[in-house]
Protein backbone atom coordinates (compact mmCIF):
# COMPACT_ATOMS: atom_id res chain seq x y z
CA MET A 1 135.05 120.02 120.65
CA ILE A 2 132.33 117.58 121.69
CA ALA A 3 129.71 120.32 121.44
CA ILE A 4 130.91 121.18 117.93
CA TYR A 5 130.81 117.52 116.84
CA ILE A 6 127.28 117.02 118.19
CA SER A 7 126.16 120.30 116.58
CA ILE A 8 127.40 119.55 113.05
CA PRO A 9 124.32 117.53 111.96
CA TYR A 10 122.04 120.22 113.38
CA ILE A 11 123.95 122.94 111.54
CA ILE A 12 123.79 121.25 108.14
CA CYS A 13 120.18 120.13 108.52
CA PRO A 14 117.77 122.51 106.77
CA VAL A 15 114.27 123.48 107.88
CA TYR A 16 111.66 121.92 105.61
CA ASP A 17 108.25 123.02 104.47
CA PHE A 18 106.08 119.88 104.33
CA PRO A 19 103.55 119.57 101.53
CA ALA A 20 99.82 119.71 102.01
CA THR A 21 98.69 116.10 101.64
CA LYS A 22 95.28 114.64 100.98
CA PRO A 23 93.70 111.16 101.16
CA PHE A 24 94.08 108.90 98.17
CA ALA A 25 91.66 109.62 95.32
CA GLY A 26 90.97 108.57 91.77
CA ASP A 27 88.87 106.31 89.60
CA SER A 28 91.36 103.44 89.52
CA ILE A 29 92.50 100.95 92.18
CA TYR A 30 96.13 100.10 92.67
CA ASN A 31 96.46 96.43 93.65
CA PRO A 32 100.06 95.59 94.69
CA TYR A 33 99.27 91.87 94.23
CA LYS A 34 97.96 92.15 90.70
CA ASN A 35 100.78 90.04 89.20
CA ALA A 36 101.62 87.94 92.28
CA LEU A 37 101.63 84.16 91.79
CA GLN A 38 101.40 81.87 94.80
CA LYS A 39 104.47 79.87 93.69
CA ASN A 40 106.67 83.01 93.81
CA TRP A 41 106.30 83.89 97.50
CA LEU A 42 109.60 84.15 99.36
CA LYS A 43 109.91 84.15 103.17
CA GLY A 44 112.23 86.84 104.50
CA ASN A 45 113.72 88.55 107.52
CA PHE A 46 115.49 91.88 106.97
CA HIS A 47 116.40 92.86 110.50
CA CYS A 48 118.79 90.76 112.62
CA HIS A 49 121.97 91.49 114.53
CA SER A 50 125.18 89.48 114.61
CA ASN A 51 128.16 89.78 117.00
CA THR A 52 130.10 91.96 114.57
CA TRP A 53 130.73 94.58 117.27
CA GLY A 54 131.21 92.01 120.05
CA LEU A 55 129.72 93.15 123.32
CA LEU A 56 129.74 96.83 122.34
CA THR A 57 126.24 96.48 120.89
CA ASN A 58 123.24 94.35 121.71
CA GLY A 59 124.22 91.31 119.57
CA ARG A 60 124.48 88.75 122.34
CA GLY A 61 128.14 87.78 121.87
CA LYS A 62 129.50 84.60 120.35
CA GLY A 63 126.19 82.84 119.65
CA ASN A 64 125.12 85.40 117.12
CA SER A 65 127.69 84.63 114.47
CA ILE A 66 126.61 85.16 110.88
CA GLU A 67 126.93 81.41 110.25
CA ASN A 68 124.60 80.60 113.17
CA ILE A 69 122.06 83.19 112.09
CA VAL A 70 121.95 81.86 108.53
CA SER A 71 121.72 78.26 109.73
CA ARG A 72 118.88 79.01 112.12
CA TYR A 73 116.78 80.88 109.58
CA LYS A 74 117.39 78.26 106.89
CA SER A 75 116.07 75.59 109.28
CA LEU A 76 112.86 77.64 109.49
CA HIS A 77 112.56 77.73 105.68
CA TYR A 78 113.52 81.35 105.11
CA ASP A 79 114.50 82.29 101.55
CA ILE A 80 115.77 85.80 102.33
CA ILE A 81 118.15 86.18 105.28
CA CYS A 82 119.58 89.61 105.95
CA ILE A 83 122.06 90.69 108.60
CA SER A 84 121.50 94.32 109.62
CA ASP A 85 124.22 95.17 112.11
CA TYR A 86 124.52 98.64 113.53
CA GLN A 87 126.73 100.75 111.26
CA HIS A 88 128.20 97.72 109.46
CA ILE A 89 127.32 95.92 106.26
CA SER A 90 127.75 92.20 106.97
CA THR A 91 127.77 89.46 104.34
CA SER A 92 127.51 85.68 104.39
CA ASN A 93 129.56 83.15 102.44
CA ASP A 94 126.50 80.89 102.20
CA SER A 95 125.16 81.25 98.66
CA LEU A 96 122.10 79.00 99.28
CA HIS A 97 119.91 81.88 100.45
CA LEU A 98 118.98 85.34 99.19
CA SER A 99 120.04 88.58 100.82
CA VAL A 100 120.51 92.27 100.28
CA ASN A 101 123.25 94.60 101.54
CA ALA A 102 121.85 95.98 104.77
CA TYR A 103 122.71 97.74 108.01
CA GLU A 104 120.81 99.52 110.77
CA HIS A 105 121.66 103.18 110.93
CA SER A 106 121.89 104.12 114.60
CA LEU A 107 124.46 106.34 116.34
CA GLY A 108 122.45 108.56 118.68
CA PRO A 109 121.16 107.35 122.07
CA PHE A 110 117.51 107.61 121.00
CA HIS A 111 115.61 105.26 118.72
CA TYR A 112 115.46 107.20 115.48
CA HIS A 113 116.64 104.11 113.60
CA HIS A 114 116.62 103.23 109.90
CA LEU A 115 117.08 99.98 108.03
CA VAL A 116 119.26 100.76 105.03
CA LEU A 117 118.71 98.19 102.27
CA GLY A 118 120.78 97.94 99.11
CA ALA A 119 123.35 100.01 100.95
CA LYS A 120 126.37 101.25 98.99
CA TYR A 121 128.24 102.31 102.07
CA VAL A 122 127.67 103.13 105.78
CA SER A 123 126.82 106.69 106.71
CA TRP A 124 128.28 107.95 110.00
CA LEU A 125 126.21 111.13 110.07
CA ASP A 126 123.52 111.13 112.76
CA PHE A 127 121.88 113.28 115.40
CA TRP A 128 122.91 112.75 119.02
CA GLY A 129 119.90 114.40 120.54
CA TYR A 130 116.27 115.26 119.92
CA GLU A 131 114.97 115.07 116.36
CA GLY A 132 112.10 117.17 115.14
CA LEU A 133 110.31 116.67 111.83
CA SER A 134 113.00 118.46 109.85
CA GLN A 135 115.78 116.30 111.37
CA LYS A 136 113.81 113.12 110.70
CA GLN A 137 113.18 114.19 107.10
CA PHE A 138 116.85 115.15 106.63
CA MET A 139 118.00 111.66 107.66
CA LEU A 140 115.53 109.99 105.30
CA ASN A 141 116.81 112.15 102.44
CA HIS A 142 120.44 111.65 103.39
CA LEU A 143 120.26 107.84 103.71
CA SER A 144 118.29 107.48 100.47
CA GLU A 145 121.34 108.88 98.63
CA SER A 146 123.41 105.80 99.54
CA SER A 147 120.79 103.03 99.39
CA LEU A 148 118.15 101.48 97.21
CA LEU A 149 115.58 101.55 100.02
CA THR A 150 115.55 103.27 103.42
CA VAL A 151 113.05 101.95 105.96
CA ILE A 152 112.02 103.65 109.20
CA THR A 153 112.34 100.90 111.82
CA HIS A 154 110.07 100.28 114.85
CA PRO A 155 108.71 103.88 114.89
CA LYS A 156 106.60 103.25 118.01
CA LEU A 157 109.53 101.97 120.07
CA LYS A 158 110.60 104.36 122.88
CA SER A 159 108.21 106.98 121.46
CA ALA A 160 110.86 108.03 118.94
CA TYR A 161 108.09 108.93 116.50
CA THR A 162 104.46 109.90 116.85
CA ALA A 163 101.59 108.86 114.61
CA ASP A 164 101.25 112.51 113.58
CA ASP A 165 104.81 112.48 112.17
CA PHE A 166 103.61 110.20 109.42
CA LYS A 167 101.12 112.74 108.21
CA TYR A 168 104.15 114.74 107.00
CA LEU A 169 107.28 112.63 106.48
CA CYS A 170 108.09 112.00 102.79
CA ASN A 171 110.63 110.28 100.59
CA TYR A 172 110.12 106.74 101.81
CA SER A 173 107.96 103.89 100.59
CA VAL A 174 108.38 101.18 103.23
CA LEU A 175 107.74 101.28 106.96
CA GLU A 176 108.68 98.55 109.46
CA VAL A 177 105.19 98.26 110.84
CA PHE A 178 105.74 94.93 112.58
CA ASN A 179 108.72 94.32 114.81
CA GLN A 180 108.58 92.00 117.81
CA TYR A 181 109.41 94.95 120.09
CA ALA A 182 106.68 97.25 118.75
CA PHE A 183 103.69 97.05 116.41
CA SER A 184 103.20 100.45 114.72
CA ILE A 185 99.84 99.90 113.02
CA ALA A 186 98.41 103.30 114.04
CA PHE A 187 101.47 105.00 112.53
CA TRP A 188 100.94 103.09 109.29
CA ASP A 189 97.28 104.06 109.10
CA SER A 190 98.25 107.65 109.79
CA ALA A 191 100.56 107.65 106.74
CA LEU A 192 98.03 105.90 104.51
CA SER A 193 95.14 108.12 105.62
CA SER A 194 97.25 111.18 104.71
CA GLY A 195 97.88 109.91 101.21
CA HIS A 196 101.40 108.49 101.61
CA ALA A 197 101.81 105.18 99.79
CA ALA A 198 103.70 103.39 102.56
CA PHE A 199 104.01 99.61 102.43
CA LEU A 200 104.85 97.30 105.30
CA LEU A 201 107.87 95.40 106.50
CA ALA A 202 107.74 92.76 109.28
CA ASP A 203 110.93 91.61 111.05
CA ASP A 204 112.26 89.77 114.06
CA ASP A 205 114.92 92.37 114.93
CA CYS A 206 116.60 89.36 116.57
CA HIS A 207 119.49 89.95 118.98
CA ASP A 208 119.81 86.38 120.23
CA ILE A 209 119.59 83.61 117.67
CA ASP A 210 119.54 80.92 120.39
CA GLU A 211 116.41 82.31 122.04
CA PRO A 212 113.20 80.77 120.54
CA LEU A 213 111.14 83.78 121.68
CA MET A 214 113.21 86.06 119.40
CA VAL A 215 113.18 84.05 116.17
CA GLN A 216 110.35 83.76 113.61
CA ARG A 217 108.09 86.17 115.47
CA CYS A 218 107.46 88.59 112.60
CA TYR A 219 108.44 88.00 109.01
CA THR A 220 107.79 89.35 105.51
CA MET A 221 106.55 87.38 102.53
CA VAL A 222 107.82 88.93 99.30
CA ASN A 223 106.68 88.16 95.76
CA THR A 224 109.39 89.12 93.29
CA GLY A 225 107.72 87.58 90.24
CA GLY A 226 110.43 84.98 90.10
CA SER A 227 113.42 87.34 90.35
CA ARG A 228 115.97 86.19 92.90
CA THR A 229 118.17 89.28 92.97
CA GLN A 230 118.70 92.18 95.36
CA ASP A 231 117.02 94.58 92.91
CA GLY A 232 114.08 92.19 92.46
CA ILE A 233 113.51 91.92 96.20
CA ILE A 234 113.71 95.67 96.81
CA ASP A 235 111.51 96.51 93.83
CA ALA A 236 108.84 94.13 95.17
CA LEU A 237 108.98 95.77 98.60
CA LYS A 238 108.67 99.24 97.07
CA ALA A 239 105.69 98.13 94.99
CA GLY A 240 103.97 96.64 98.05
CA CYS A 241 104.01 93.09 96.67
CA SER A 242 104.60 91.67 100.12
CA TYR A 243 102.73 90.93 103.31
CA GLY A 244 103.58 90.65 107.01
CA VAL A 245 103.10 87.71 109.38
CA ASP A 246 102.74 87.95 113.17
CA PHE A 247 103.64 84.33 113.88
CA ASN A 248 102.09 82.82 116.98
CA MET A 249 104.59 81.53 119.52
CA GLY A 250 103.31 78.55 121.49
CA GLN A 251 103.87 78.69 125.24
CA ASN A 252 107.41 77.42 126.06
CA GLU A 253 107.78 76.32 122.41
CA GLN A 254 111.32 75.37 121.41
CA PHE A 255 112.94 75.40 117.99
CA VAL A 256 111.80 71.84 117.14
CA GLY A 257 108.19 73.02 117.44
CA LYS A 258 108.83 76.21 115.55
CA ILE A 259 110.38 74.31 112.64
CA ALA A 260 107.32 72.01 112.51
CA ASP A 261 104.97 75.02 112.63
CA ALA A 262 106.92 76.72 109.86
CA ARG A 263 106.35 73.73 107.56
CA LYS A 264 102.57 73.93 108.10
CA MET A 265 102.29 77.64 107.29
CA LYS A 266 100.61 78.36 103.98
CA THR A 267 100.88 81.40 101.72
CA VAL A 268 98.11 83.73 100.61
CA LYS A 269 96.52 82.28 97.49
CA SER A 270 95.32 85.43 95.74
CA VAL A 271 94.31 89.08 96.15
CA THR A 272 92.24 90.44 93.28
CA VAL A 273 90.21 93.51 92.46
CA ASN A 274 87.52 93.15 89.78
CA ASN A 275 84.76 95.71 89.20
CA ASN A 276 85.67 97.38 92.51
CA ILE A 277 85.32 94.11 94.41
CA LEU A 278 88.34 93.19 96.50
CA THR A 279 88.61 89.44 97.03
CA VAL A 280 91.17 87.74 99.28
CA ILE A 281 91.65 83.96 99.24
CA TYR A 282 93.65 81.89 101.73
CA PRO A 283 94.27 78.13 101.22
CA GLU A 284 92.48 77.09 104.44
CA LYS A 285 89.72 78.36 106.66
CA ALA A 286 90.66 81.37 108.74
CA LYS A 287 89.20 82.54 112.05
CA TRP A 288 88.29 85.85 110.39
CA ILE A 289 89.21 88.10 107.46
CA ARG A 290 88.92 91.80 108.19
CA PHE A 291 88.91 94.83 105.87
CA ILE A 292 90.25 98.14 107.26
CA GLY A 293 90.16 101.59 105.65
CA GLN A 294 90.67 105.33 106.19
CA ASN A 295 91.86 106.21 109.71
CA GLY A 296 92.15 102.51 110.62
CA ILE A 297 88.39 101.96 110.75
CA VAL A 298 87.16 98.37 110.31
CA LYS A 299 84.85 98.27 107.29
CA ASN A 300 83.84 94.61 107.35
CA GLU A 301 84.73 91.27 108.93
CA VAL A 302 83.95 87.75 107.71
CA LYS A 303 84.35 84.82 110.11
CA ASN A 304 85.24 81.13 109.59
CA THR A 305 86.10 81.36 105.93
CA ASP A 306 88.92 80.80 103.46
CA SER A 307 87.87 83.75 101.29
CA ALA A 308 86.18 87.09 101.67
CA SER A 309 85.17 90.00 99.47
CA TYR A 310 84.58 93.69 100.01
CA THR A 311 83.00 96.15 97.58
CA LEU A 312 85.08 99.29 97.39
CA LYS A 313 82.95 102.39 97.82
CA PRO A 314 83.76 105.76 96.20
CA THR A 315 84.61 107.03 99.70
CA ASP A 316 87.17 104.26 100.35
CA THR A 317 90.60 105.78 99.89
CA TYR A 318 92.43 102.55 100.70
CA ILE A 319 91.52 99.15 102.09
CA ARG A 320 94.00 96.83 103.78
CA THR A 321 93.23 93.29 104.91
CA GLU A 322 94.01 91.33 108.02
CA ILE A 323 93.66 87.55 108.27
CA ALA A 324 93.53 85.81 111.69
CA LEU A 325 94.30 82.10 111.50
CA ASN A 326 92.94 79.54 113.89
CA ASN A 327 96.38 79.05 115.47
CA LEU A 328 96.37 82.77 116.47
CA THR A 329 98.88 83.75 113.75
CA LYS A 330 97.88 86.94 111.90
CA ILE A 331 98.60 87.99 108.33
CA TYR A 332 98.65 91.66 107.35
CA LEU A 333 98.28 92.59 103.68
CA ASN A 334 99.37 95.82 102.07
CA PRO A 335 96.51 98.11 101.03
CA VAL A 336 94.78 98.41 97.73
CA ILE A 337 94.80 102.14 96.98
CA ARG A 338 92.57 104.51 95.04
CA TYR A 339 94.64 106.47 92.46
CA ASN A 340 94.64 108.13 89.04
CA GLY A 341 95.58 104.97 87.15
CA LYS A 342 99.05 106.26 86.25
CA SER A 343 101.17 106.55 89.39
CA LEU A 344 100.75 106.59 93.13
CA PRO A 345 101.05 110.05 94.79
CA TYR A 346 104.56 110.89 95.96
CA TYR A 347 105.28 113.94 98.15
CA THR A 348 108.53 115.78 98.78
CA ALA A 349 109.45 118.29 101.44
CA LYS A 350 111.07 121.55 100.26
CA VAL A 351 113.78 123.52 102.04
CA ASN A 352 112.67 126.83 103.55
CA THR A 353 115.75 128.94 102.92
CA THR A 354 114.77 131.85 105.21
CA LEU A 355 113.98 129.67 108.23
CA THR A 356 117.05 127.51 107.52
CA ALA A 357 119.35 130.61 107.63
CA LEU A 358 117.74 131.80 110.86
CA TYR A 359 117.90 128.32 112.42
CA ARG A 360 121.59 127.92 111.56
CA ALA A 361 122.38 131.39 112.87
CA VAL A 362 120.78 130.54 116.23
CA ILE A 363 122.78 127.30 116.50
CA LEU A 364 126.05 129.05 115.63
CA LEU A 365 125.27 131.77 118.21
CA VAL A 366 124.66 129.13 120.88
CA LEU A 367 127.93 127.44 119.93
CA ILE A 368 129.81 130.76 120.21
CA ILE A 369 128.33 131.43 123.66
CA ILE A 370 129.19 127.94 124.91
CA SER A 371 132.73 128.20 123.49
CA TRP A 372 133.22 131.62 125.04
CA PHE A 373 132.02 130.38 128.42
CA ILE A 374 134.38 127.39 128.32
CA VAL A 375 137.37 129.58 127.39
CA TRP A 376 136.43 132.12 130.12
CA ARG A 377 136.26 129.40 132.74
CA MET A 378 139.62 127.97 131.65
CA LEU A 379 141.29 131.41 131.77
CA ARG A 380 139.94 132.03 135.29
CA ILE A 381 141.36 128.75 136.47
CA ILE A 382 144.75 129.44 134.87
CA ARG A 383 144.98 133.00 136.22
CA LYS A 384 143.73 132.17 139.71
CA PRO A 385 146.67 132.70 142.13
CA ALA A 386 147.74 129.76 144.26
CA LYS A 387 147.08 130.07 147.99
CA ARG A 388 150.19 130.65 150.12
CA ILE A 389 150.74 128.13 152.89
CA ILE A 390 152.07 129.74 156.09
CA ALA A 391 153.99 127.38 158.37
């Protein structure tokens, strides 16, 4: 029975043919920050675990109540505070912050995890073993049916994914590039260099709200254009009107220091593209501003400045910007992307019916052999005569 239960997801999962992709191209430049105003930036964390499941999951027991989580993040001036428990949609009674319905999809022992935002319900379908490209694509497709946005979380963690996977995976628009347990920048550049318009998410993935080292390490700034709704937040993430912050943690710094540092943190002033010139402005002098393009190659770096410009060349498929502040905090902007001026490219994987039929037949055959072997062993045990004991 256990073998059958574990096999069900593999049986229903099809084999996909992945589309031939190509680097971004076109005469126009997509700027996700075109309509962003500095006053509309919202500070958010979308990945945090409460003690909903007690000690059964890594939620650190009583201290991680929803009330404590909300209180802690509010003290650090967060506007968006999401609880993303494993297989459970948690909500807060505190109406003085923004949130979206969220949970982390994770049943199997490996780290093929997803952050399900705008979730309608919890899906209990998952793979309990190895996932190839088709299994990974199947879960993205499946979870997107019950959510507004499905995010692949910490792809680098435990080598669950490889950078090459992101040359092929489709049907997603946001990737958790920054998580305090794993930075997946190479995976992001792999997706972007292959022509997938993937935008970033940065989160704490906090499991202990009382541990300063786990809180306000990575966060996402979202510009919703003034909308303070779940749909507004998710639409902004999908459009790339957001940026990630790798917040520097001072040595042995406690929450009092983190709160003070949070107050000092400024937001990006503007990101514009005029006549193929990308200009980024920050309100104070940065250590450096760096422009990065196809295959993660650094195109230019300007030091000790509050603004920097880069002239987009015809060969530049995308350019993303990193800003290093003097306190060692880093800001990561979403890319400006070359496109046709109408819509960003969007790829879908198609089911290969022949290979799917063959794949399912092999799995069913393996199940039959395993079942037959189990029954054969049980019959042998039952029919085996008991040994006579002679006094």
